[in-house]
Amino acid sequence: AYIYDEKVAHRAVFQNQRTRWIAAQWQFIKFYFWK
């Protein structure tokens, strides 16, 4: 079941996106790890 997504084309956008993902992962661990 394919869905086509626009991938980031530039390093600056890549860095911005990964910053958001890493922060979300850190917050997730903080709230859910012990659960």
PDB file of all heavy atoms in Angstrom:
ATOM      1  N   ALA A   1       0.870  -1.191   0.000  1.00  0.00           N
ATOM      2  CA  ALA A   1       0.000   0.000   0.000  1.00  0.00           C
ATOM      3  C   ALA A   1       0.900   1.233   0.000  1.00  0.00           C
ATOM      4  O   ALA A   1       1.321   1.731   1.036  1.00  0.00           O
ATOM      5  CB  ALA A   1      -0.909  -0.009   1.225  1.00  0.00           C
ATOM      6  N   TYR A   2       1.215   1.722  -1.208  1.00  0.00           N
ATOM      7  CA  TYR A   2       2.208   2.793  -1.342  1.00  0.00           C
ATOM      8  C   TYR A   2       1.601   4.180  -1.160  1.00  0.00           C
ATOM      9  O   TYR A   2       0.505   4.475  -1.635  1.00  0.00           O
ATOM     10  CB  TYR A   2       2.865   2.727  -2.720  1.00  0.00           C
ATOM     11  CG  TYR A   2       3.802   1.557  -2.889  1.00  0.00           C
ATOM     12  CD1 TYR A   2       3.433   0.445  -3.650  1.00  0.00           C
ATOM     13  CD2 TYR A   2       5.052   1.550  -2.285  1.00  0.00           C
ATOM     14  CE1 TYR A   2       4.288  -0.636  -3.807  1.00  0.00           C
ATOM     15  CE2 TYR A   2       5.920   0.477  -2.434  1.00  0.00           C
ATOM     16  CZ  TYR A   2       5.533  -0.618  -3.196  1.00  0.00           C
ATOM     17  OH  TYR A   2       6.373  -1.680  -3.338  1.00  0.00           O
ATOM     18  N   ILE A   3       2.373   5.027  -0.481  1.00  0.00           N
ATOM     19  CA  ILE A   3       2.062   6.449  -0.406  1.00  0.00           C
ATOM     20  C   ILE A   3       3.374   7.184  -0.630  1.00  0.00           C
ATOM     21  O   ILE A   3       4.397   6.859  -0.016  1.00  0.00           O
ATOM     22  CB  ILE A   3       1.400   6.829   0.935  1.00  0.00           C
ATOM     23  CG1 ILE A   3       1.007   8.312   0.932  1.00  0.00           C
ATOM     24  CG2 ILE A   3       2.275   6.481   2.135  1.00  0.00           C
ATOM     25  CD1 ILE A   3       0.066   8.693   2.067  1.00  0.00           C
ATOM     26  N   TYR A   4       3.364   8.140  -1.550  1.00  0.00           N
ATOM     27  CA  TYR A   4       4.598   8.779  -2.014  1.00  0.00           C
ATOM     28  C   TYR A   4       4.817  10.108  -1.282  1.00  0.00           C
ATOM     29  O   TYR A   4       3.931  10.957  -1.224  1.00  0.00           O
ATOM     30  CB  TYR A   4       4.549   8.980  -3.524  1.00  0.00           C
ATOM     31  CG  TYR A   4       4.393   7.659  -4.246  1.00  0.00           C
ATOM     32  CD1 TYR A   4       3.132   7.203  -4.648  1.00  0.00           C
ATOM     33  CD2 TYR A   4       5.492   6.847  -4.481  1.00  0.00           C
ATOM     34  CE1 TYR A   4       2.994   5.974  -5.278  1.00  0.00           C
ATOM     35  CE2 TYR A   4       5.359   5.613  -5.119  1.00  0.00           C
ATOM     36  CZ  TYR A   4       4.105   5.188  -5.506  1.00  0.00           C
ATOM     37  OH  TYR A   4       3.967   3.962  -6.110  1.00  0.00           O
ATOM     38  N   ASP A   5       6.026  10.261  -0.765  1.00  0.00           N
ATOM     39  CA  ASP A   5       6.355  11.377   0.117  1.00  0.00           C
ATOM     40  C   ASP A   5       7.529  12.167  -0.452  1.00  0.00           C
ATOM     41  O   ASP A   5       8.495  11.584  -0.955  1.00  0.00           O
ATOM     42  CB  ASP A   5       6.720  10.813   1.506  1.00  0.00           C
ATOM     43  CG  ASP A   5       7.182  11.876   2.472  1.00  0.00           C
ATOM     44  OD1 ASP A   5       6.369  12.750   2.806  1.00  0.00           O
ATOM     45  OD2 ASP A   5       8.356  11.830   2.899  1.00  0.00           O
ATOM     46  N   GLU A   6       7.449  13.477  -0.352  1.00  0.00           N
ATOM     47  CA  GLU A   6       8.569  14.313  -0.791  1.00  0.00           C
ATOM     48  C   GLU A   6       9.689  14.261   0.241  1.00  0.00           C
ATOM     49  O   GLU A   6       9.497  14.633   1.391  1.00  0.00           O
ATOM     50  CB  GLU A   6       8.109  15.763  -0.985  1.00  0.00           C
ATOM     51  CG  GLU A   6       9.234  16.684  -1.446  1.00  0.00           C
ATOM     52  CD  GLU A   6       8.811  18.144  -1.493  1.00  0.00           C
ATOM     53  OE1 GLU A   6       7.598  18.404  -1.582  1.00  0.00           O
ATOM     54  OE2 GLU A   6       9.696  19.015  -1.425  1.00  0.00           O
ATOM     55  N   LYS A   7      10.864  13.796  -0.161  1.00  0.00           N
ATOM     56  CA  LYS A   7      12.000  13.733   0.736  1.00  0.00           C
ATOM     57  C   LYS A   7      12.729  15.069   0.747  1.00  0.00           C
ATOM     58  O   LYS A   7      12.697  15.826  -0.239  1.00  0.00           O
ATOM     59  CB  LYS A   7      12.978  12.620   0.337  1.00  0.00           C
ATOM     60  CG  LYS A   7      12.345  11.261   0.072  1.00  0.00           C
ATOM     61  CD  LYS A   7      11.276  10.884   1.077  1.00  0.00           C
ATOM     62  CE  LYS A   7      11.822  10.674   2.481  1.00  0.00           C
ATOM     63  NZ  LYS A   7      10.725  10.355   3.450  1.00  0.00           N
ATOM     64  N   VAL A   8      13.374  15.366   1.865  1.00  0.00           N
ATOM     65  CA  VAL A   8      14.108  16.625   1.968  1.00  0.00           C
ATOM     66  C   VAL A   8      15.239  16.628   0.947  1.00  0.00           C
ATOM     67  O   VAL A   8      15.927  15.626   0.752  1.00  0.00           O
ATOM     68  CB  VAL A   8      14.660  16.846   3.388  1.00  0.00           C
ATOM     69  CG1 VAL A   8      13.526  16.995   4.375  1.00  0.00           C
ATOM     70  CG2 VAL A   8      15.587  15.714   3.825  1.00  0.00           C
ATOM     71  N   ALA A   9      15.417  17.760   0.289  1.00  0.00           N
ATOM     72  CA  ALA A   9      16.381  17.830  -0.815  1.00  0.00           C
ATOM     73  C   ALA A   9      17.657  18.574  -0.443  1.00  0.00           C
ATOM     74  O   ALA A   9      18.636  18.546  -1.193  1.00  0.00           O
ATOM     75  CB  ALA A   9      15.733  18.501  -2.026  1.00  0.00           C
ATOM     76  N   HIS A  10      17.658  19.245   0.714  1.00  0.00           N
ATOM     77  CA  HIS A  10      18.806  20.067   1.081  1.00  0.00           C
ATOM     78  C   HIS A  10      19.246  19.781   2.514  1.00  0.00           C
ATOM     79  O   HIS A  10      18.426  19.448   3.369  1.00  0.00           O
ATOM     80  CB  HIS A  10      18.469  21.548   0.913  1.00  0.00           C
ATOM     81  CG  HIS A  10      17.994  21.893  -0.472  1.00  0.00           C
ATOM     82  ND1 HIS A  10      18.836  21.927  -1.562  1.00  0.00           N
ATOM     83  CD2 HIS A  10      16.756  22.185  -0.939  1.00  0.00           C
ATOM     84  CE1 HIS A  10      18.134  22.241  -2.646  1.00  0.00           C
ATOM     85  NE2 HIS A  10      16.871  22.400  -2.294  1.00  0.00           N
ATOM     86  N   ARG A  11      20.539  19.956   2.752  1.00  0.00           N
ATOM     87  CA  ARG A  11      21.110  19.602   4.048  1.00  0.00           C
ATOM     88  C   ARG A  11      20.498  20.418   5.179  1.00  0.00           C
ATOM     89  O   ARG A  11      20.251  19.898   6.271  1.00  0.00           O
ATOM     90  CB  ARG A  11      22.631  19.804   4.024  1.00  0.00           C
ATOM     91  CG  ARG A  11      23.324  19.238   5.242  1.00  0.00           C
ATOM     92  CD  ARG A  11      24.815  19.409   5.161  1.00  0.00           C
ATOM     93  NE  ARG A  11      25.198  20.805   5.256  1.00  0.00           N
ATOM     94  CZ  ARG A  11      26.463  21.236   5.344  1.00  0.00           C
ATOM     95  NH1 ARG A  11      27.450  20.365   5.289  1.00  0.00           N
ATOM     96  NH2 ARG A  11      26.731  22.513   5.434  1.00  0.00           N
ATOM     97  N   ALA A  12      20.250  21.705   4.960  1.00  0.00           N
ATOM     98  CA  ALA A  12      19.696  22.554   6.018  1.00  0.00           C
ATOM     99  C   ALA A  12      18.319  22.059   6.454  1.00  0.00           C
ATOM    100  O   ALA A  12      17.999  22.046   7.648  1.00  0.00           O
ATOM    101  CB  ALA A  12      19.612  24.000   5.537  1.00  0.00           C
ATOM    102  N   VAL A  13      17.497  21.643   5.487  1.00  0.00           N
ATOM    103  CA  VAL A  13      16.171  21.128   5.805  1.00  0.00           C
ATOM    104  C   VAL A  13      16.292  19.784   6.526  1.00  0.00           C
ATOM    105  O   VAL A  13      15.553  19.493   7.467  1.00  0.00           O
ATOM    106  CB  VAL A  13      15.318  20.988   4.534  1.00  0.00           C
ATOM    107  CG1 VAL A  13      13.931  20.458   4.874  1.00  0.00           C
ATOM    108  CG2 VAL A  13      15.204  22.333   3.829  1.00  0.00           C
ATOM    109  N   PHE A  14      17.232  18.957   6.073  1.00  0.00           N
ATOM    110  CA  PHE A  14      17.509  17.673   6.726  1.00  0.00           C
ATOM    111  C   PHE A  14      17.863  17.894   8.195  1.00  0.00           C
ATOM    112  O   PHE A  14      17.340  17.212   9.079  1.00  0.00           O
ATOM    113  CB  PHE A  14      18.662  16.972   6.002  1.00  0.00           C
ATOM    114  CG  PHE A  14      19.156  15.718   6.683  1.00  0.00           C
ATOM    115  CD1 PHE A  14      18.606  14.483   6.371  1.00  0.00           C
ATOM    116  CD2 PHE A  14      20.178  15.770   7.627  1.00  0.00           C
ATOM    117  CE1 PHE A  14      19.061  13.319   6.991  1.00  0.00           C
ATOM    118  CE2 PHE A  14      20.640  14.622   8.250  1.00  0.00           C
ATOM    119  CZ  PHE A  14      20.080  13.391   7.929  1.00  0.00           C
ATOM    120  N   GLN A  15      18.741  18.845   8.454  1.00  0.00           N
ATOM    121  CA  GLN A  15      19.161  19.123   9.829  1.00  0.00           C
ATOM    122  C   GLN A  15      17.993  19.606  10.676  1.00  0.00           C
ATOM    123  O   GLN A  15      17.809  19.186  11.819  1.00  0.00           O
ATOM    124  CB  GLN A  15      20.271  20.174   9.822  1.00  0.00           C
ATOM    125  CG  GLN A  15      20.815  20.510  11.204  1.00  0.00           C
ATOM    126  CD  GLN A  15      21.998  21.466  11.126  1.00  0.00           C
ATOM    127  OE1 GLN A  15      22.910  21.277  10.306  1.00  0.00           O
ATOM    128  NE2 GLN A  15      21.981  22.498  11.947  1.00  0.00           N
ATOM    129  N   ASN A  16      17.164  20.477  10.108  1.00  0.00           N
ATOM    130  CA  ASN A  16      15.999  20.993  10.819  1.00  0.00           C
ATOM    131  C   ASN A  16      15.019  19.867  11.153  1.00  0.00           C
ATOM    132  O   ASN A  16      14.505  19.773  12.279  1.00  0.00           O
ATOM    133  CB  ASN A  16      15.314  22.047   9.947  1.00  0.00           C
ATOM    134  CG  ASN A  16      14.148  22.712  10.647  1.00  0.00           C
ATOM    135  OD1 ASN A  16      14.321  23.490  11.566  1.00  0.00           O
ATOM    136  ND2 ASN A  16      12.937  22.405  10.194  1.00  0.00           N
ATOM    137  N   GLN A  17      14.793  18.981  10.185  1.00  0.00           N
ATOM    138  CA  GLN A  17      13.868  17.864  10.384  1.00  0.00           C
ATOM    139  C   GLN A  17      14.383  16.904  11.446  1.00  0.00           C
ATOM    140  O   GLN A  17      13.642  16.467  12.325  1.00  0.00           O
ATOM    141  CB  GLN A  17      13.667  17.125   9.064  1.00  0.00           C
ATOM    142  CG  GLN A  17      12.649  16.002   9.121  1.00  0.00           C
ATOM    143  CD  GLN A  17      12.631  15.215   7.822  1.00  0.00           C
ATOM    144  OE1 GLN A  17      13.600  14.541   7.476  1.00  0.00           O
ATOM    145  NE2 GLN A  17      11.518  15.310   7.090  1.00  0.00           N
ATOM    146  N   ARG A  18      15.669  16.580  11.389  1.00  0.00           N
ATOM    147  CA  ARG A  18      16.237  15.654  12.376  1.00  0.00           C
ATOM    148  C   ARG A  18      16.268  16.267  13.768  1.00  0.00           C
ATOM    149  O   ARG A  18      16.129  15.555  14.757  1.00  0.00           O
ATOM    150  CB  ARG A  18      17.653  15.240  11.950  1.00  0.00           C
ATOM    151  CG  ARG A  18      17.730  13.932  11.177  1.00  0.00           C
ATOM    152  CD  ARG A  18      16.748  13.837  10.039  1.00  0.00           C
ATOM    153  NE  ARG A  18      16.846  12.553   9.331  1.00  0.00           N
ATOM    154  CZ  ARG A  18      16.208  12.284   8.223  1.00  0.00           C
ATOM    155  NH1 ARG A  18      15.413  13.188   7.674  1.00  0.00           N
ATOM    156  NH2 ARG A  18      16.322  11.097   7.653  1.00  0.00           N
ATOM    157  N   THR A  19      16.443  17.569  13.858  1.00  0.00           N
ATOM    158  CA  THR A  19      16.375  18.232  15.162  1.00  0.00           C
ATOM    159  C   THR A  19      15.018  17.988  15.806  1.00  0.00           C
ATOM    160  O   THR A  19      14.919  17.656  16.985  1.00  0.00           O
ATOM    161  CB  THR A  19      16.616  19.750  15.020  1.00  0.00           C
ATOM    162  OG1 THR A  19      17.923  19.978  14.481  1.00  0.00           O
ATOM    163  CG2 THR A  19      16.505  20.450  16.372  1.00  0.00           C
ATOM    164  N   ARG A  20      13.964  18.133  15.001  1.00  0.00           N
ATOM    165  CA  ARG A  20      12.612  17.905  15.496  1.00  0.00           C
ATOM    166  C   ARG A  20      12.419  16.449  15.911  1.00  0.00           C
ATOM    167  O   ARG A  20      11.851  16.157  16.959  1.00  0.00           O
ATOM    168  CB  ARG A  20      11.596  18.281  14.415  1.00  0.00           C
ATOM    169  CG  ARG A  20      10.145  18.206  14.879  1.00  0.00           C
ATOM    170  CD  ARG A  20       9.186  18.602  13.791  1.00  0.00           C
ATOM    171  NE  ARG A  20       8.967  17.525  12.832  1.00  0.00           N
ATOM    172  CZ  ARG A  20       9.166  17.622  11.528  1.00  0.00           C
ATOM    173  NH1 ARG A  20       9.624  18.751  11.013  1.00  0.00           N
ATOM    174  NH2 ARG A  20       8.936  16.608  10.718  1.00  0.00           N
ATOM    175  N   TRP A  21      12.911  15.521  15.102  1.00  0.00           N
ATOM    176  CA  TRP A  21      12.740  14.095  15.399  1.00  0.00           C
ATOM    177  C   TRP A  21      13.489  13.682  16.657  1.00  0.00           C
ATOM    178  O   TRP A  21      12.974  12.922  17.482  1.00  0.00           O
ATOM    179  CB  TRP A  21      13.214  13.259  14.211  1.00  0.00           C
ATOM    180  CG  TRP A  21      12.332  13.349  13.005  1.00  0.00           C
ATOM    181  CD1 TRP A  21      11.185  14.085  12.880  1.00  0.00           C
ATOM    182  CD2 TRP A  21      12.522  12.699  11.748  1.00  0.00           C
ATOM    183  NE1 TRP A  21      10.657  13.931  11.630  1.00  0.00           N
ATOM    184  CE2 TRP A  21      11.444  13.085  10.902  1.00  0.00           C
ATOM    185  CE3 TRP A  21      13.493  11.833  11.257  1.00  0.00           C
ATOM    186  CZ2 TRP A  21      11.319  12.630   9.600  1.00  0.00           C
ATOM    187  CZ3 TRP A  21      13.376  11.368   9.953  1.00  0.00           C
ATOM    188  CH2 TRP A  21      12.301  11.762   9.141  1.00  0.00           C
ATOM    189  N   ILE A  22      14.728  14.167  16.813  1.00  0.00           N
ATOM    190  CA  ILE A  22      15.526  13.805  17.983  1.00  0.00           C
ATOM    191  C   ILE A  22      14.879  14.347  19.249  1.00  0.00           C
ATOM    192  O   ILE A  22      14.796  13.655  20.273  1.00  0.00           O
ATOM    193  CB  ILE A  22      16.966  14.344  17.849  1.00  0.00           C
ATOM    194  CG1 ILE A  22      17.679  13.663  16.681  1.00  0.00           C
ATOM    195  CG2 ILE A  22      17.753  14.107  19.140  1.00  0.00           C
ATOM    196  CD1 ILE A  22      18.979  14.331  16.292  1.00  0.00           C
ATOM    197  N   ALA A  23      14.402  15.588  19.185  1.00  0.00           N
ATOM    198  CA  ALA A  23      13.736  16.177  20.349  1.00  0.00           C
ATOM    199  C   ALA A  23      12.484  15.391  20.710  1.00  0.00           C
ATOM    200  O   ALA A  23      12.213  15.138  21.890  1.00  0.00           O
ATOM    201  CB  ALA A  23      13.387  17.641  20.056  1.00  0.00           C
ATOM    202  N   ALA A  24      11.729  14.983  19.704  1.00  0.00           N
ATOM    203  CA  ALA A  24      10.517  14.204  19.955  1.00  0.00           C
ATOM    204  C   ALA A  24      10.858  12.858  20.582  1.00  0.00           C
ATOM    205  O   ALA A  24      10.173  12.400  21.506  1.00  0.00           O
ATOM    206  CB  ALA A  24       9.748  14.006  18.647  1.00  0.00           C
ATOM    207  N   GLN A  25      11.933  12.231  20.095  1.00  0.00           N
ATOM    208  CA  GLN A  25      12.335  10.937  20.657  1.00  0.00           C
ATOM    209  C   GLN A  25      12.761  11.093  22.114  1.00  0.00           C
ATOM    210  O   GLN A  25      12.430  10.262  22.965  1.00  0.00           O
ATOM    211  CB  GLN A  25      13.478  10.335  19.840  1.00  0.00           C
ATOM    212  CG  GLN A  25      13.888   8.937  20.311  1.00  0.00           C
ATOM    213  CD  GLN A  25      14.868   8.267  19.361  1.00  0.00           C
ATOM    214  OE1 GLN A  25      15.214   8.810  18.318  1.00  0.00           O
ATOM    215  NE2 GLN A  25      15.327   7.084  19.724  1.00  0.00           N
ATOM    216  N   TRP A  26      13.488  12.163  22.423  1.00  0.00           N
ATOM    217  CA  TRP A  26      13.917  12.415  23.796  1.00  0.00           C
ATOM    218  C   TRP A  26      12.710  12.631  24.714  1.00  0.00           C
ATOM    219  O   TRP A  26      12.630  12.096  25.815  1.00  0.00           O
ATOM    220  CB  TRP A  26      14.847  13.611  23.844  1.00  0.00           C
ATOM    221  CG  TRP A  26      15.269  13.991  25.232  1.00  0.00           C
ATOM    222  CD1 TRP A  26      14.792  15.036  25.986  1.00  0.00           C
ATOM    223  CD2 TRP A  26      16.208  13.305  26.068  1.00  0.00           C
ATOM    224  NE1 TRP A  26      15.396  15.061  27.217  1.00  0.00           N
ATOM    225  CE2 TRP A  26      16.269  14.007  27.303  1.00  0.00           C
ATOM    226  CE3 TRP A  26      17.015  12.186  25.884  1.00  0.00           C
ATOM    227  CZ2 TRP A  26      17.096  13.609  28.345  1.00  0.00           C
ATOM    228  CZ3 TRP A  26      17.838  11.789  26.931  1.00  0.00           C
ATOM    229  CH2 TRP A  26      17.871  12.490  28.130  1.00  0.00           C
ATOM    230  N   GLN A  27      11.752  13.439  24.249  1.00  0.00           N
ATOM    231  CA  GLN A  27      10.552  13.684  25.046  1.00  0.00           C
ATOM    232  C   GLN A  27       9.754  12.400  25.233  1.00  0.00           C
ATOM    233  O   GLN A  27       9.211  12.148  26.311  1.00  0.00           O
ATOM    234  CB  GLN A  27       9.687  14.754  24.366  1.00  0.00           C
ATOM    235  CG  GLN A  27      10.282  16.150  24.426  1.00  0.00           C
ATOM    236  CD  GLN A  27       9.442  17.155  23.657  1.00  0.00           C
ATOM    237  OE1 GLN A  27       9.011  16.907  22.529  1.00  0.00           O
ATOM    238  NE2 GLN A  27       9.203  18.304  24.254  1.00  0.00           N
ATOM    239  N   PHE A  28       9.699  11.594  24.188  1.00  0.00           N
ATOM    240  CA  PHE A  28       8.977  10.327  24.274  1.00  0.00           C
ATOM    241  C   PHE A  28       9.601   9.419  25.329  1.00  0.00           C
ATOM    242  O   PHE A  28       8.903   8.819  26.149  1.00  0.00           O
ATOM    243  CB  PHE A  28       8.978   9.629  22.909  1.00  0.00           C
ATOM    244  CG  PHE A  28       8.291   8.303  22.919  1.00  0.00           C
ATOM    245  CD1 PHE A  28       6.922   8.214  22.761  1.00  0.00           C
ATOM    246  CD2 PHE A  28       9.014   7.125  23.100  1.00  0.00           C
ATOM    247  CE1 PHE A  28       6.279   6.981  22.781  1.00  0.00           C
ATOM    248  CE2 PHE A  28       8.389   5.899  23.125  1.00  0.00           C
ATOM    249  CZ  PHE A  28       7.016   5.831  22.966  1.00  0.00           C
ATOM    250  N   ILE A  29      10.924   9.290  25.312  1.00  0.00           N
ATOM    251  CA  ILE A  29      11.614   8.453  26.294  1.00  0.00           C
ATOM    252  C   ILE A  29      11.333   8.953  27.707  1.00  0.00           C
ATOM    253  O   ILE A  29      11.086   8.164  28.631  1.00  0.00           O
ATOM    254  CB  ILE A  29      13.133   8.447  26.018  1.00  0.00           C
ATOM    255  CG1 ILE A  29      13.425   7.708  24.700  1.00  0.00           C
ATOM    256  CG2 ILE A  29      13.897   7.790  27.165  1.00  0.00           C
ATOM    257  CD1 ILE A  29      14.862   7.825  24.238  1.00  0.00           C
ATOM    258  N   LYS A  30      11.351  10.260  27.875  1.00  0.00           N
ATOM    259  CA  LYS A  30      11.112  10.863  29.186  1.00  0.00           C
ATOM    260  C   LYS A  30       9.748  10.478  29.753  1.00  0.00           C
ATOM    261  O   LYS A  30       9.616  10.174  30.941  1.00  0.00           O
ATOM    262  CB  LYS A  30      11.224  12.387  29.069  1.00  0.00           C
ATOM    263  CG  LYS A  30      10.927  13.149  30.360  1.00  0.00           C
ATOM    264  CD  LYS A  30      11.033  14.646  30.117  1.00  0.00           C
ATOM    265  CE  LYS A  30      10.642  15.437  31.359  1.00  0.00           C
ATOM    266  NZ  LYS A  30      10.698  16.901  31.121  1.00  0.00           N
ATOM    267  N   PHE A  31       8.742  10.466  28.896  1.00  0.00           N
ATOM    268  CA  PHE A  31       7.379  10.212  29.379  1.00  0.00           C
ATOM    269  C   PHE A  31       6.990   8.740  29.389  1.00  0.00           C
ATOM    270  O   PHE A  31       6.131   8.329  30.164  1.00  0.00           O
ATOM    271  CB  PHE A  31       6.371  10.992  28.523  1.00  0.00           C
ATOM    272  CG  PHE A  31       6.326  12.460  28.822  1.00  0.00           C
ATOM    273  CD1 PHE A  31       6.897  13.371  27.957  1.00  0.00           C
ATOM    274  CD2 PHE A  31       5.717  12.939  29.978  1.00  0.00           C
ATOM    275  CE1 PHE A  31       6.859  14.733  28.227  1.00  0.00           C
ATOM    276  CE2 PHE A  31       5.676  14.292  30.256  1.00  0.00           C
ATOM    277  CZ  PHE A  31       6.249  15.198  29.381  1.00  0.00           C
ATOM    278  N   TYR A  32       7.605   7.903  28.530  1.00  0.00           N
ATOM    279  CA  TYR A  32       7.095   6.548  28.343  1.00  0.00           C
ATOM    280  C   TYR A  32       8.066   5.420  28.690  1.00  0.00           C
ATOM    281  O   TYR A  32       7.648   4.263  28.744  1.00  0.00           O
ATOM    282  CB  TYR A  32       6.637   6.364  26.879  1.00  0.00           C
ATOM    283  CG  TYR A  32       5.378   7.119  26.548  1.00  0.00           C
ATOM    284  CD1 TYR A  32       5.434   8.378  25.952  1.00  0.00           C
ATOM    285  CD2 TYR A  32       4.121   6.585  26.836  1.00  0.00           C
ATOM    286  CE1 TYR A  32       4.275   9.077  25.648  1.00  0.00           C
ATOM    287  CE2 TYR A  32       2.959   7.276  26.528  1.00  0.00           C
ATOM    288  CZ  TYR A  32       3.046   8.521  25.938  1.00  0.00           C
ATOM    289  OH  TYR A  32       1.902   9.212  25.638  1.00  0.00           O
ATOM    290  N   PHE A  33       9.345   5.725  28.906  1.00  0.00           N
ATOM    291  CA  PHE A  33      10.315   4.646  29.121  1.00  0.00           C
ATOM    292  C   PHE A  33       9.930   3.761  30.299  1.00  0.00           C
ATOM    293  O   PHE A  33       9.893   2.532  30.191  1.00  0.00           O
ATOM    294  CB  PHE A  33      11.718   5.222  29.336  1.00  0.00           C
ATOM    295  CG  PHE A  33      12.754   4.168  29.620  1.00  0.00           C
ATOM    296  CD1 PHE A  33      13.276   3.392  28.594  1.00  0.00           C
ATOM    297  CD2 PHE A  33      13.192   3.933  30.914  1.00  0.00           C
ATOM    298  CE1 PHE A  33      14.224   2.413  28.846  1.00  0.00           C
ATOM    299  CE2 PHE A  33      14.135   2.956  31.182  1.00  0.00           C
ATOM    300  CZ  PHE A  33      14.652   2.197  30.142  1.00  0.00           C
ATOM    301  N   TRP A  34       9.638   4.354  31.447  1.00  0.00           N
ATOM    302  CA  TRP A  34       9.332   3.547  32.631  1.00  0.00           C
ATOM    303  C   TRP A  34       7.988   2.834  32.493  1.00  0.00           C
ATOM    304  O   TRP A  34       7.783   1.771  33.091  1.00  0.00           O
ATOM    305  CB  TRP A  34       9.373   4.411  33.895  1.00  0.00           C
ATOM    306  CG  TRP A  34      10.764   4.866  34.205  1.00  0.00           C
ATOM    307  CD1 TRP A  34      11.270   6.130  34.129  1.00  0.00           C
ATOM    308  CD2 TRP A  34      11.863   4.016  34.593  1.00  0.00           C
ATOM    309  NE1 TRP A  34      12.601   6.135  34.448  1.00  0.00           N
ATOM    310  CE2 TRP A  34      13.000   4.869  34.742  1.00  0.00           C
ATOM    311  CE3 TRP A  34      12.012   2.655  34.821  1.00  0.00           C
ATOM    312  CZ2 TRP A  34      14.245   4.376  35.114  1.00  0.00           C
ATOM    313  CZ3 TRP A  34      13.253   2.162  35.189  1.00  0.00           C
ATOM    314  CH2 TRP A  34      14.346   3.005  35.338  1.00  0.00           C
ATOM    315  N   LYS A  35       7.108   3.411  31.697  1.00  0.00           N
ATOM    316  CA  LYS A  35       5.856   2.702  31.413  1.00  0.00           C
ATOM    317  C   LYS A  35       6.146   1.433  30.627  1.00  0.00           C
ATOM    318  O   LYS A  35       5.529   0.385  30.848  1.00  0.00           O
ATOM    319  CB  LYS A  35       4.897   3.615  30.636  1.00  0.00           C
ATOM    320  CG  LYS A  35       3.528   2.989  30.404  1.00  0.00           C
ATOM    321  CD  LYS A  35       2.569   3.981  29.751  1.00  0.00           C
ATOM    322  CE  LYS A  35       2.172   5.077  30.720  1.00  0.00           C
ATOM    323  NZ  LYS A  35       1.084   5.932  30.165  1.00  0.00           N
TER     324      LYS A  35
END
